[in-house]
């Protein structure tokens, strides 16, 4: 497979991108409905499909607990549009060991009716800053499926470096061919 970072998009001189204005809010008790919406088939197609209600409830508890722990142990956020206050998706980061290195992993998802507006890129950039501020890890990685063009484009547009294709498990026990995208949290900021 070719390097997805090499994809070039031509924009005319009359077009300019205006970043969407979003904010991240710590995951809370009231965010279960968002998690259920994100569990829809169109949102989980590249993640092995929808989870059972039991797993959704367990994930919600895990995300709420992340809000109470030190930031170095990860955070989950809902993504909210400034101005309207609409919840448009979620983004987060958490610690893991990857190829012998202590890193953060990130995951993100924007609800279908809000996709295509640059919100995933804005959310990913915001969570980079959250992980950078937390400290504790040098790199933040994302592992979208090689077949998920939009998610790979999100990583590229957010400035992540493509490190190659990897075999990844998601959900645990299920092999998934993924791209490994990484961001150096000690650079920039």
Protein backbone atom coordinates (compact mmCIF):
# COMPACT_ATOMS: atom_id res chain seq x y z
CA UNK A 1 0.00 0.00 0.00
CA UNK A 2 1.25 3.48 -0.75
CA UNK A 3 1.96 6.04 1.92
CA UNK A 4 -1.39 7.75 2.71
CA UNK A 5 0.56 10.84 3.77
CA UNK A 6 1.60 11.37 0.16
CA UNK A 7 -1.96 12.13 -0.98
CA UNK A 8 -2.09 15.69 -2.34
CA UNK A 9 -5.21 17.83 -2.38
CA UNK A 10 -5.31 20.79 -4.76
CA UNK A 11 -7.13 23.84 -3.44
CA UNK A 12 -7.87 26.83 -5.67
CA UNK A 13 -6.57 30.28 -4.81
CA UNK A 14 -10.09 31.37 -3.88
CA UNK A 15 -10.59 28.64 -1.28
CA UNK A 16 -9.34 28.76 2.27
CA UNK A 17 -10.12 26.51 5.15
CA UNK A 18 -11.50 28.07 8.32
CA UNK A 19 -10.99 25.81 11.31
CA UNK A 20 -14.19 24.88 13.11
CA UNK A 21 -14.52 26.17 16.64
CA UNK A 22 -14.94 23.33 19.07
CA UNK A 23 -14.25 22.68 22.71
CA UNK A 24 -13.52 19.50 24.60
CA UNK A 25 -15.51 18.70 27.72
CA UNK A 26 -14.55 15.94 30.14
CA UNK A 27 -16.66 12.80 29.79
CA UNK A 28 -19.47 12.76 32.36
CA UNK A 29 -22.57 10.85 33.49
CA UNK A 30 -24.71 12.56 30.85
CA UNK A 31 -22.66 11.30 27.90
CA UNK A 32 -24.06 7.76 27.70
CA UNK A 33 -26.43 8.82 24.90
CA UNK A 34 -23.46 9.99 22.82
CA UNK A 35 -21.73 6.67 23.34
CA UNK A 36 -24.87 4.80 22.25
CA UNK A 37 -25.08 6.95 19.09
CA UNK A 38 -21.43 6.25 18.33
CA UNK A 39 -22.17 2.52 18.67
CA UNK A 40 -24.23 2.56 15.44
CA UNK A 41 -23.13 0.34 12.52
CA UNK A 42 -22.04 3.32 10.38
CA UNK A 43 -19.79 4.53 13.23
CA UNK A 44 -18.27 1.13 14.04
CA UNK A 45 -17.83 -0.35 10.55
CA UNK A 46 -14.03 -0.07 10.76
CA UNK A 47 -13.95 -1.14 14.42
CA UNK A 48 -15.49 -4.58 14.26
CA UNK A 49 -19.14 -3.49 14.48
CA UNK A 50 -21.43 -2.39 17.32
CA UNK A 51 -20.82 -3.54 20.87
CA UNK A 52 -23.40 -5.10 23.18
CA UNK A 53 -25.27 -2.82 25.60
CA UNK A 54 -23.25 -4.39 28.43
CA UNK A 55 -19.99 -3.37 26.74
CA UNK A 56 -21.31 0.14 26.03
CA UNK A 57 -22.20 0.58 29.72
CA UNK A 58 -18.78 -0.74 30.74
CA UNK A 59 -17.07 1.66 28.30
CA UNK A 60 -19.13 4.56 29.69
CA UNK A 61 -18.01 3.70 33.23
CA UNK A 62 -14.39 3.52 32.03
CA UNK A 63 -14.63 6.92 30.31
CA UNK A 64 -16.22 8.52 33.41
CA UNK A 65 -13.46 7.10 35.60
CA UNK A 66 -10.83 8.58 33.29
CA UNK A 67 -12.13 12.07 34.17
CA UNK A 68 -11.33 11.47 37.86
CA UNK A 69 -7.78 10.18 37.37
CA UNK A 70 -4.60 12.19 36.77
CA UNK A 71 -4.34 13.44 33.17
CA UNK A 72 -1.22 11.30 32.63
CA UNK A 73 -3.53 8.27 32.85
CA UNK A 74 -5.62 9.48 29.92
CA UNK A 75 -8.79 11.41 29.29
CA UNK A 76 -11.98 11.02 27.27
CA UNK A 77 -13.86 14.06 26.02
CA UNK A 78 -17.05 14.90 24.22
CA UNK A 79 -16.54 17.31 21.34
CA UNK A 80 -18.86 20.32 21.47
CA UNK A 81 -19.44 23.02 18.85
CA UNK A 82 -18.79 26.48 20.19
CA UNK A 83 -21.70 28.80 19.58
CA UNK A 84 -24.42 26.16 19.39
CA UNK A 85 -23.33 23.85 22.19
CA UNK A 86 -24.16 20.81 20.06
CA UNK A 87 -22.32 17.60 20.95
CA UNK A 88 -20.74 16.35 17.72
CA UNK A 89 -18.56 13.42 18.81
CA UNK A 90 -15.80 12.30 21.12
CA UNK A 91 -12.03 12.13 21.32
CA UNK A 92 -9.60 10.85 23.92
CA UNK A 93 -6.16 9.53 24.74
CA UNK A 94 -4.89 6.80 27.06
CA UNK A 95 -1.55 5.19 27.91
CA UNK A 96 -0.33 1.98 26.29
CA UNK A 97 2.89 0.19 25.48
CA UNK A 98 3.59 0.13 21.74
CA UNK A 99 6.62 -1.69 20.35
CA UNK A 100 8.34 -1.48 23.73
CA UNK A 101 7.69 2.26 24.21
CA UNK A 102 5.31 3.92 26.67
CA UNK A 103 3.03 6.06 24.46
CA UNK A 104 -0.45 7.51 24.37
CA UNK A 105 -3.05 6.15 21.96
CA UNK A 106 -5.87 8.31 20.65
CA UNK A 107 -9.32 7.55 19.33
CA UNK A 108 -11.95 9.85 17.87
CA UNK A 109 -15.34 9.82 16.20
CA UNK A 110 -17.65 12.49 14.82
CA UNK A 111 -21.36 11.77 14.45
CA UNK A 112 -22.47 11.26 10.81
CA UNK A 113 -24.49 14.45 10.50
CA UNK A 114 -21.42 16.52 11.47
CA UNK A 115 -18.84 14.73 9.33
CA UNK A 116 -17.07 16.45 6.45
CA UNK A 117 -16.67 19.80 8.24
CA UNK A 118 -13.16 19.39 9.64
CA UNK A 119 -14.42 18.65 13.14
CA UNK A 120 -12.42 15.42 13.52
CA UNK A 121 -9.21 17.28 12.64
CA UNK A 122 -10.07 20.06 15.12
CA UNK A 123 -10.84 17.49 17.83
CA UNK A 124 -7.63 15.57 17.15
CA UNK A 125 -5.56 18.78 17.31
CA UNK A 126 -7.26 19.69 20.60
CA UNK A 127 -6.54 16.28 22.11
CA UNK A 128 -2.90 16.54 21.01
CA UNK A 129 -2.68 19.66 23.17
CA UNK A 130 -4.39 17.87 26.08
CA UNK A 131 -1.95 14.94 25.87
CA UNK A 132 1.00 17.31 25.49
CA UNK A 133 -0.09 19.25 28.59
CA UNK A 134 -0.55 16.01 30.56
CA UNK A 135 3.05 15.01 29.93
CA UNK A 136 4.34 11.59 30.78
CA UNK A 137 4.62 10.23 27.22
CA UNK A 138 6.61 11.45 24.23
CA UNK A 139 4.34 10.18 21.46
CA UNK A 140 0.65 10.01 20.67
CA UNK A 141 -0.40 7.28 18.20
CA UNK A 142 -3.55 6.64 16.19
CA UNK A 143 -4.26 3.30 14.47
CA UNK A 144 -7.04 3.69 11.89
CA UNK A 145 -7.83 0.79 9.61
CA UNK A 146 -5.94 0.96 6.31
CA UNK A 147 -9.38 0.89 4.64
CA UNK A 148 -10.72 3.92 6.52
CA UNK A 149 -9.76 6.75 4.15
CA UNK A 150 -11.46 9.52 6.16
CA UNK A 151 -9.75 8.58 9.43
CA UNK A 152 -6.35 8.33 7.75
CA UNK A 153 -6.92 11.75 6.14
CA UNK A 154 -7.80 13.14 9.59
CA UNK A 155 -4.44 12.01 10.96
CA UNK A 156 -2.56 13.43 7.98
CA UNK A 157 -4.37 16.79 8.14
CA UNK A 158 -3.72 17.02 11.89
CA UNK A 159 0.02 16.73 11.25
CA UNK A 160 0.61 13.16 12.39
CA UNK A 161 3.52 11.30 10.81
CA UNK A 162 2.76 8.03 9.02
CA UNK A 163 4.95 5.26 10.49
CA UNK A 164 3.67 2.42 8.29
CA UNK A 165 1.14 -0.38 8.24
CA UNK A 166 0.85 -2.56 11.32
CA UNK A 167 -1.15 -5.50 12.57
CA UNK A 168 -3.34 -4.25 15.40
CA UNK A 169 -6.01 -5.92 17.52
CA UNK A 170 -9.40 -4.27 17.79
CA UNK A 171 -11.48 -5.32 19.42
CA UNK A 172 -8.99 -7.40 21.45
CA UNK A 173 -8.44 -10.74 19.76
CA UNK A 174 -9.51 -9.47 16.34
CA UNK A 175 -6.64 -8.65 13.95
CA UNK A 176 -7.02 -5.36 12.10
CA UNK A 177 -4.63 -4.08 9.44
CA UNK A 178 -4.00 -0.49 10.49
CA UNK A 179 -1.88 2.50 9.71
CA UNK A 180 0.31 3.69 12.56
CA UNK A 181 0.21 7.50 12.75
CA UNK A 182 2.24 9.27 15.43
CA UNK A 183 2.72 12.75 16.83
CA UNK A 184 5.80 13.83 18.78
CA UNK A 185 4.35 15.56 21.84
CA UNK A 186 7.71 17.11 22.74
CA UNK A 187 7.90 18.97 19.43
CA UNK A 188 5.94 22.16 18.88
CA UNK A 189 3.25 23.28 21.22
